[in-house]
Amino acid sequence: MTSVLDTRSVPPAERRDYWSAGIAERFFPMHVESVGAPSFEARLASGQVGPVRVQSIQGLAHRVARTQRMIATADPECILLYLMTRGTIHIEQDD
């Protein structure tokens, strides 16, 4: 896998916006906020296995959300499969 998005490449004050813009390019628009940490840190690595794109995300705790407007603007109609190797995840849809 090749590292394609790493918040350590920008100053701490710009990291959340850098990550949000990069994730919007690679997935779809979403709002990102840190949870319990004074700064934001995350890294995305990406690769291809036949027709399947594989992406690894590592980072400090954060919360993401997509508003109805974000969904209407960009709905990629794809399936995301999450495999957690550490930490926890909570996914909610329709409230």
C-alpha atoms as a PDB file:
ATOM      1  CA  MET A   1       0.000   0.000   0.000  1.00  0.00           C
ATOM      2  CA  THR A   2       1.052   3.536  -0.695  1.00  0.00           C
ATOM      3  CA  SER A   3       0.471   6.336   1.795  1.00  0.00           C
ATOM      4  CA  VAL A   4      -1.731   8.871   0.049  1.00  0.00           C
ATOM      5  CA  LEU A   5      -2.973  11.145   2.834  1.00  0.00           C
ATOM      6  CA  ASP A   6      -1.075  11.953   6.034  1.00  0.00           C
ATOM      7  CA  THR A   7      -2.013  14.809   8.359  1.00  0.00           C
ATOM      8  CA  ARG A   8       1.551  14.976   9.685  1.00  0.00           C
ATOM      9  CA  SER A   9       2.477  16.683   6.394  1.00  0.00           C
ATOM     10  CA  VAL A  10       0.645  19.900   7.395  1.00  0.00           C
ATOM     11  CA  PRO A  11       0.712  22.126  10.507  1.00  0.00           C
ATOM     12  CA  PRO A  12      -1.526  20.943  13.398  1.00  0.00           C
ATOM     13  CA  ALA A  13      -4.018  23.806  12.951  1.00  0.00           C
ATOM     14  CA  GLU A  14      -4.675  22.729   9.327  1.00  0.00           C
ATOM     15  CA  ARG A  15      -4.939  18.956   9.860  1.00  0.00           C
ATOM     16  CA  ARG A  16      -8.696  18.549  10.283  1.00  0.00           C
ATOM     17  CA  ASP A  17      -9.474  20.576   7.152  1.00  0.00           C
ATOM     18  CA  TYR A  18      -6.693  18.806   5.205  1.00  0.00           C
ATOM     19  CA  TRP A  19      -8.132  15.415   6.222  1.00  0.00           C
ATOM     20  CA  SER A  20     -11.729  16.426   5.409  1.00  0.00           C
ATOM     21  CA  ALA A  21     -10.724  17.637   1.931  1.00  0.00           C
ATOM     22  CA  GLY A  22      -8.622  14.536   1.249  1.00  0.00           C
ATOM     23  CA  ILE A  23     -11.348  12.155   2.409  1.00  0.00           C
ATOM     24  CA  ALA A  24     -13.925  14.002   0.290  1.00  0.00           C
ATOM     25  CA  GLU A  25     -11.683  13.465  -2.762  1.00  0.00           C
ATOM     26  CA  ARG A  26     -11.165   9.765  -2.086  1.00  0.00           C
ATOM     27  CA  PHE A  27     -14.563   8.791  -0.634  1.00  0.00           C
ATOM     28  CA  PHE A  28     -17.229  11.478  -0.301  1.00  0.00           C
ATOM     29  CA  PRO A  29     -17.744  14.730   1.654  1.00  0.00           C
ATOM     30  CA  MET A  30     -18.037  14.407   5.422  1.00  0.00           C
ATOM     31  CA  HIS A  31     -17.601  16.526   8.528  1.00  0.00           C
ATOM     32  CA  VAL A  32     -14.640  15.481  10.724  1.00  0.00           C
ATOM     33  CA  GLU A  33     -13.949  16.408  14.352  1.00  0.00           C
ATOM     34  CA  SER A  34     -11.405  15.252  16.936  1.00  0.00           C
ATOM     35  CA  VAL A  35     -12.638  13.336  19.961  1.00  0.00           C
ATOM     36  CA  GLY A  36     -10.713  13.781  23.194  1.00  0.00           C
ATOM     37  CA  ALA A  37      -7.449  14.992  21.616  1.00  0.00           C
ATOM     38  CA  PRO A  38      -6.175  18.562  21.304  1.00  0.00           C
ATOM     39  CA  SER A  39      -5.055  17.983  17.710  1.00  0.00           C
ATOM     40  CA  PHE A  40      -6.037  15.758  14.835  1.00  0.00           C
ATOM     41  CA  GLU A  41      -3.809  13.058  13.392  1.00  0.00           C
ATOM     42  CA  ALA A  42      -4.651  10.422  10.764  1.00  0.00           C
ATOM     43  CA  ARG A  43      -3.122   8.552   7.827  1.00  0.00           C
ATOM     44  CA  LEU A  44      -4.736   6.855   4.841  1.00  0.00           C
ATOM     45  CA  ALA A  45      -2.953   4.230   2.752  1.00  0.00           C
ATOM     46  CA  SER A  46      -4.489   2.856  -0.429  1.00  0.00           C
ATOM     47  CA  GLY A  47      -4.027  -0.005  -2.855  1.00  0.00           C
ATOM     48  CA  GLN A  48      -5.850  -2.049  -5.464  1.00  0.00           C
ATOM     49  CA  VAL A  49      -6.622  -5.797  -5.458  1.00  0.00           C
ATOM     50  CA  GLY A  50      -8.185  -6.550  -8.830  1.00  0.00           C
ATOM     51  CA  PRO A  51     -11.376  -4.464  -9.058  1.00  0.00           C
ATOM     52  CA  VAL A  52     -11.428  -3.840  -5.293  1.00  0.00           C
ATOM     53  CA  ARG A  53      -9.860  -0.736  -3.762  1.00  0.00           C
ATOM     54  CA  VAL A  54      -8.362  -1.397  -0.320  1.00  0.00           C
ATOM     55  CA  GLN A  55      -7.728   1.479   2.064  1.00  0.00           C
ATOM     56  CA  SER A  56      -6.252   1.505   5.538  1.00  0.00           C
ATOM     57  CA  ILE A  57      -7.042   4.348   7.938  1.00  0.00           C
ATOM     58  CA  GLN A  58      -5.067   4.906  11.134  1.00  0.00           C
ATOM     59  CA  GLY A  59      -5.466   7.819  13.481  1.00  0.00           C
ATOM     60  CA  LEU A  60      -6.454   9.318  16.768  1.00  0.00           C
ATOM     61  CA  ALA A  61     -10.085   9.151  17.830  1.00  0.00           C
ATOM     62  CA  HIS A  62     -12.362  11.190  15.617  1.00  0.00           C
ATOM     63  CA  ARG A  63     -16.001  11.477  14.617  1.00  0.00           C
ATOM     64  CA  VAL A  64     -17.314  11.816  11.091  1.00  0.00           C
ATOM     65  CA  ALA A  65     -20.797  12.748   9.933  1.00  0.00           C
ATOM     66  CA  ARG A  66     -22.551  13.257   6.622  1.00  0.00           C
ATOM     67  CA  THR A  67     -25.437  15.666   6.391  1.00  0.00           C
ATOM     68  CA  GLN A  68     -28.379  15.146   4.042  1.00  0.00           C
ATOM     69  CA  ARG A  69     -26.918  17.875   1.817  1.00  0.00           C
ATOM     70  CA  MET A  70     -23.517  16.108   1.685  1.00  0.00           C
ATOM     71  CA  ILE A  71     -25.212  12.841   0.753  1.00  0.00           C
ATOM     72  CA  ALA A  72     -27.307  14.529  -1.952  1.00  0.00           C
ATOM     73  CA  THR A  73     -24.218  16.251  -3.370  1.00  0.00           C
ATOM     74  CA  ALA A  74     -22.073  13.124  -3.578  1.00  0.00           C
ATOM     75  CA  ASP A  75     -23.467   9.628  -3.155  1.00  0.00           C
ATOM     76  CA  PRO A  76     -20.947   7.210  -4.696  1.00  0.00           C
ATOM     77  CA  GLU A  77     -23.337   4.246  -4.430  1.00  0.00           C
ATOM     78  CA  CYS A  78     -20.549   1.964  -3.309  1.00  0.00           C
ATOM     79  CA  ILE A  79     -20.150  -0.495  -0.462  1.00  0.00           C
ATOM     80  CA  LEU A  80     -17.730   0.281   2.351  1.00  0.00           C
ATOM     81  CA  LEU A  81     -16.552  -2.664   4.406  1.00  0.00           C
ATOM     82  CA  TYR A  82     -14.793  -1.913   7.678  1.00  0.00           C
ATOM     83  CA  LEU A  83     -12.368  -4.314   9.343  1.00  0.00           C
ATOM     84  CA  MET A  84     -11.305  -2.994  12.724  1.00  0.00           C
ATOM     85  CA  THR A  85      -7.947  -4.275  13.939  1.00  0.00           C
ATOM     86  CA  ARG A  86      -7.769  -1.899  16.927  1.00  0.00           C
ATOM     87  CA  GLY A  87     -10.090   0.509  18.629  1.00  0.00           C
ATOM     88  CA  THR A  88     -13.826   0.763  18.229  1.00  0.00           C
ATOM     89  CA  ILE A  89     -16.263   2.050  15.660  1.00  0.00           C
ATOM     90  CA  HIS A  90     -19.875   3.144  15.901  1.00  0.00           C
ATOM     91  CA  ILE A  91     -21.836   3.512  12.686  1.00  0.00           C
ATOM     92  CA  GLU A  92     -25.304   5.020  12.619  1.00  0.00           C
ATOM     93  CA  GLN A  93     -27.682   5.711   9.762  1.00  0.00           C
ATOM     94  CA  ASP A  94     -30.990   7.602   9.705  1.00  0.00           C
ATOM     95  CA  ASP A  95     -30.459   9.250  13.094  1.00  0.00           C
END
